[in-house]
Amino acid sequence: MDKVIKLAIVDDDDISKRIIGIHLKNAKNIKIILEASNGKELQDALALKKQKPDVILMDLEMPVMDGIETTEYLDKQYPDIKILILTVHDDEKISNHLIEKGANGFLTKHADMNILVKAITTVYESGYYFEGWDLKKIVNLKKIRNKVNSKSKVIFSKRELEIIKLLLQGYTNKEISTKLNISTRTVEVHRDNVLKKTNSRNIAHFAVYAVQHGLIDFNDEKK
């Protein structure tokens, strides 16, 4: 990709931030423009900074304002910024709560260079990143099952289903437009319609819906 992704790192662990910085030093498509030690520092920095990040790489456990509070704040004030949660635990309850609040994906702390770059690039381009994460385990929670059972069935057009499956396999809007021989704008319109139909905050939130309703198999690989 040609565009440079503007990245913010929010973590109270200076060593962790330094390691991430070292990993991304040679990544030509990613530039760290902001660092903060907690959500409050991020709030203040975003209020003052003219240039906003495209993606925020954020730890959960931080003083003053933790990752959950910060995710809720960002979803309300900066919905276009993608949120990639740094974590050391595969906790379904927390993961589901974060997706409901606006998180776009999860990344294991201290991931190696290739995975880190891929996660940031994927969440920027596709709106979600769940690779290596047990998403099916998350959606099997009783709370989620009850929610699914209480919802009326949503009807998708044939074209919407085509776009849904490609989006959730990691294709970008541009790649989908080429593959289906339609304009990028058409892809965007269908994507937005799908999000509205399912009351999904973003593609990550919709990904959970898709697994719940059998619309996609996350074992599918991009071909």
Protein backbone atom coordinates (compact mmCIF):
# COMPACT_ATOMS: atom_id res chain seq x y z
CA MET A 1 0.00 0.00 0.00
CA ASP A 2 1.14 3.55 -0.74
CA LYS A 3 -0.42 5.41 2.18
CA VAL A 4 1.57 5.67 5.39
CA ILE A 5 -0.52 4.58 8.39
CA LYS A 6 -0.32 7.05 11.28
CA LEU A 7 -0.03 5.09 14.52
CA ALA A 8 -0.50 5.98 18.19
CA ILE A 9 0.76 3.74 21.02
CA VAL A 10 -0.99 3.92 24.39
CA ASP A 11 0.75 1.88 27.09
CA ASP A 12 2.08 2.71 30.56
CA ASP A 13 4.99 0.29 30.01
CA ASP A 14 7.86 2.30 28.51
CA ILE A 15 9.78 -0.86 27.66
CA SER A 16 6.82 -2.19 25.69
CA LYS A 17 6.52 1.08 23.76
CA ARG A 18 10.25 0.98 23.02
CA ILE A 19 10.07 -2.61 21.75
CA ILE A 20 7.17 -1.73 19.46
CA GLY A 21 9.10 1.29 18.20
CA ILE A 22 12.10 -0.91 17.39
CA HIS A 23 9.89 -3.44 15.60
CA LEU A 24 8.29 -0.73 13.46
CA LYS A 25 11.47 1.23 12.71
CA ASN A 26 11.87 -0.35 9.29
CA ALA A 27 8.17 -0.54 8.42
CA LYS A 28 7.82 1.86 5.50
CA ASN A 29 4.01 2.00 5.63
CA ILE A 30 3.69 2.80 9.37
CA LYS A 31 4.70 5.95 11.23
CA ILE A 32 4.36 6.44 15.00
CA ILE A 33 3.03 9.97 15.50
CA LEU A 34 1.89 9.82 19.12
CA GLU A 35 2.67 7.99 22.37
CA ALA A 36 0.77 8.10 25.66
CA SER A 37 0.87 6.27 29.00
CA ASN A 38 -2.89 6.15 29.59
CA GLY A 39 -6.25 7.18 28.15
CA LYS A 40 -6.21 10.61 29.74
CA GLU A 41 -2.85 11.45 28.18
CA LEU A 42 -4.23 10.26 24.85
CA GLN A 43 -7.32 12.45 25.24
CA ASP A 44 -5.17 15.51 25.90
CA ALA A 45 -2.82 14.71 23.02
CA LEU A 46 -5.66 14.20 20.54
CA ALA A 47 -7.26 17.50 21.60
CA LEU A 48 -4.02 19.37 20.89
CA LYS A 49 -2.71 17.47 17.89
CA LYS A 50 -3.83 18.55 14.43
CA GLN A 51 -2.82 15.22 12.90
CA LYS A 52 -4.93 12.31 14.13
CA PRO A 53 -3.74 8.67 14.10
CA ASP A 54 -5.35 6.14 11.79
CA VAL A 55 -4.76 3.28 14.22
CA ILE A 56 -4.27 3.19 18.00
CA LEU A 57 -2.33 0.31 19.51
CA MET A 58 -3.51 0.22 23.12
CA ASP A 59 -2.86 -1.72 26.31
CA LEU A 60 -5.78 -2.65 28.57
CA GLU A 61 -4.32 -2.24 32.03
CA MET A 62 -3.27 1.38 32.55
CA PRO A 63 -3.57 3.84 35.45
CA VAL A 64 -5.84 6.92 35.46
CA MET A 65 -7.87 5.79 32.42
CA ASP A 66 -7.64 2.15 31.30
CA GLY A 67 -8.14 0.55 27.88
CA ILE A 68 -11.84 -0.15 28.32
CA GLU A 69 -12.67 3.45 29.29
CA THR A 70 -10.46 4.75 26.51
CA THR A 71 -12.12 2.51 23.91
CA GLU A 72 -15.55 3.84 24.92
CA TYR A 73 -14.28 7.42 24.68
CA LEU A 74 -12.65 6.90 21.27
CA ASP A 75 -15.73 5.22 19.82
CA LYS A 76 -17.83 8.27 20.72
CA GLN A 77 -15.36 11.04 19.90
CA TYR A 78 -13.19 9.54 17.14
CA PRO A 79 -15.16 6.68 15.50
CA ASP A 80 -12.94 6.66 12.41
CA ILE A 81 -9.81 5.73 14.37
CA LYS A 82 -9.17 1.97 14.41
CA ILE A 83 -8.46 0.49 17.86
CA LEU A 84 -6.14 -2.51 18.16
CA ILE A 85 -6.04 -3.86 21.72
CA LEU A 86 -2.75 -5.18 23.13
CA THR A 87 -3.37 -8.07 25.49
CA VAL A 88 -1.75 -11.04 27.23
CA HIS A 89 -5.00 -12.83 28.07
CA ASP A 90 -7.68 -14.48 25.89
CA ASP A 91 -10.58 -13.35 28.10
CA GLU A 92 -13.88 -13.80 26.23
CA LYS A 93 -15.94 -11.53 28.48
CA ILE A 94 -13.53 -8.62 28.21
CA SER A 95 -13.05 -9.21 24.48
CA ASN A 96 -16.77 -9.19 23.80
CA HIS A 97 -17.24 -6.07 25.89
CA LEU A 98 -14.46 -4.30 23.98
CA ILE A 99 -15.94 -5.27 20.61
CA GLU A 100 -19.32 -3.97 21.75
CA LYS A 101 -17.64 -0.71 22.80
CA GLY A 102 -15.82 -0.19 19.50
CA ALA A 103 -12.56 -2.18 19.45
CA ASN A 104 -11.45 -3.32 16.00
CA GLY A 105 -9.22 -6.21 16.97
CA PHE A 106 -6.72 -7.80 19.33
CA LEU A 107 -2.98 -8.39 19.23
CA THR A 108 -0.83 -10.38 21.63
CA LYS A 109 1.72 -8.23 23.44
CA HIS A 110 5.29 -8.47 22.16
CA ALA A 111 4.22 -9.97 18.83
CA ASP A 112 7.09 -10.21 16.36
CA MET A 113 7.72 -7.68 13.61
CA ASN A 114 5.82 -9.44 10.82
CA ILE A 115 2.68 -10.05 12.89
CA LEU A 116 2.74 -6.52 14.32
CA VAL A 117 2.96 -4.90 10.88
CA LYS A 118 0.32 -7.26 9.46
CA ALA A 119 -2.10 -6.55 12.33
CA ILE A 120 -1.78 -2.78 12.02
CA THR A 121 -2.08 -2.87 8.23
CA THR A 122 -5.02 -5.29 8.28
CA VAL A 123 -7.02 -3.39 10.89
CA TYR A 124 -6.44 -0.16 8.94
CA GLU A 125 -7.45 -1.61 5.58
CA SER A 126 -10.19 -4.06 6.60
CA GLY A 127 -11.52 -2.61 9.85
CA TYR A 128 -10.81 -5.68 11.96
CA TYR A 129 -8.03 -8.05 13.01
CA PHE A 130 -8.79 -11.36 14.75
CA GLU A 131 -6.11 -13.67 13.38
CA GLY A 132 -5.00 -16.13 16.03
CA TRP A 133 -7.85 -15.04 18.28
CA ASP A 134 -10.57 -17.47 19.32
CA LEU A 135 -13.51 -15.43 18.04
CA LYS A 136 -15.85 -18.42 18.00
CA LYS A 137 -15.17 -18.89 21.71
CA ILE A 138 -16.13 -15.27 22.29
CA VAL A 139 -19.46 -15.53 20.48
CA ASN A 140 -20.45 -18.69 22.35
CA LEU A 141 -21.04 -16.70 25.53
CA LYS A 142 -24.58 -17.10 26.93
CA LYS A 143 -25.10 -13.35 26.79
CA ILE A 144 -24.33 -13.29 23.08
CA ARG A 145 -26.43 -16.36 22.30
CA ASN A 146 -29.43 -14.77 24.00
CA LYS A 147 -28.91 -11.61 22.01
CA VAL A 148 -28.83 -13.56 18.75
CA ASN A 149 -32.00 -15.48 19.60
CA SER A 150 -33.86 -12.26 20.37
CA LYS A 151 -33.01 -10.61 17.05
CA SER A 152 -35.11 -10.91 13.94
CA LYS A 153 -33.47 -12.43 10.90
CA VAL A 154 -31.73 -9.91 8.65
CA ILE A 155 -32.04 -10.41 4.91
CA PHE A 156 -28.98 -9.67 2.76
CA SER A 157 -28.86 -9.33 -1.00
CA LYS A 158 -26.66 -11.65 -3.06
CA ARG A 159 -24.19 -8.79 -3.65
CA GLU A 160 -24.10 -7.90 0.05
CA LEU A 161 -23.28 -11.52 0.92
CA GLU A 162 -20.46 -11.54 -1.63
CA ILE A 163 -18.99 -8.36 -0.16
CA ILE A 164 -19.50 -9.54 3.43
CA LYS A 165 -17.48 -12.72 2.86
CA LEU A 166 -14.67 -10.88 1.09
CA LEU A 167 -14.48 -8.18 3.76
CA LEU A 168 -14.25 -10.76 6.52
CA GLN A 169 -11.53 -12.64 4.67
CA GLY A 170 -9.39 -9.51 4.81
CA TYR A 171 -9.91 -7.98 1.36
CA THR A 172 -9.83 -4.20 1.14
CA ASN A 173 -12.60 -2.19 -0.54
CA LYS A 174 -10.34 -1.63 -3.54
CA GLU A 175 -9.51 -5.33 -3.86
CA ILE A 176 -13.19 -6.23 -3.63
CA SER A 177 -14.10 -3.71 -6.33
CA THR A 178 -11.53 -5.27 -8.65
CA LYS A 179 -12.55 -8.84 -7.84
CA LEU A 180 -16.28 -8.16 -8.36
CA ASN A 181 -15.79 -5.64 -11.19
CA ILE A 182 -17.69 -2.88 -9.40
CA SER A 183 -16.65 0.57 -8.17
CA THR A 184 -15.05 1.12 -4.79
CA ARG A 185 -17.92 3.46 -3.94
CA THR A 186 -20.42 0.65 -4.60
CA VAL A 187 -18.50 -1.59 -2.20
CA GLU A 188 -18.59 1.16 0.44
CA VAL A 189 -22.34 1.66 0.03
CA HIS A 190 -23.05 -2.07 0.41
CA ARG A 191 -20.72 -2.27 3.43
CA ASP A 192 -22.46 0.67 5.12
CA ASN A 193 -25.88 -0.87 4.40
CA VAL A 194 -24.78 -4.14 6.02
CA LEU A 195 -23.55 -2.32 9.13
CA LYS A 196 -26.85 -0.42 9.39
CA LYS A 197 -28.96 -3.56 8.91
CA THR A 198 -27.15 -5.35 11.74
CA ASN A 199 -26.70 -2.32 14.02
CA SER A 200 -22.96 -2.96 13.94
CA ARG A 201 -20.55 -0.27 15.13
CA ASN A 202 -17.82 -1.30 12.70
CA ILE A 203 -16.53 -4.29 10.72
CA ALA A 204 -15.06 -5.86 13.88
CA HIS A 205 -18.44 -5.68 15.60
CA PHE A 206 -20.07 -7.09 12.46
CA ALA A 207 -17.51 -9.93 12.42
CA VAL A 208 -19.00 -11.21 15.67
CA TYR A 209 -22.49 -10.99 14.16
CA ALA A 210 -21.27 -12.86 11.10
CA VAL A 211 -19.92 -15.77 13.14
CA GLN A 212 -23.07 -15.86 15.29
CA HIS A 213 -25.25 -16.19 12.20
CA GLY A 214 -23.03 -18.51 10.19
CA LEU A 215 -22.24 -15.96 7.49
CA ILE A 216 -18.51 -16.64 7.49
CA ASP A 217 -16.07 -19.33 8.57
CA PHE A 218 -13.04 -17.69 10.14
CA ASN A 219 -10.98 -20.67 9.05
CA ASP A 220 -11.42 -19.44 5.48
CA GLU A 221 -8.19 -18.15 3.99
CA LYS A 222 -7.79 -15.22 1.64
CA LYS A 223 -7.07 -16.60 -1.79
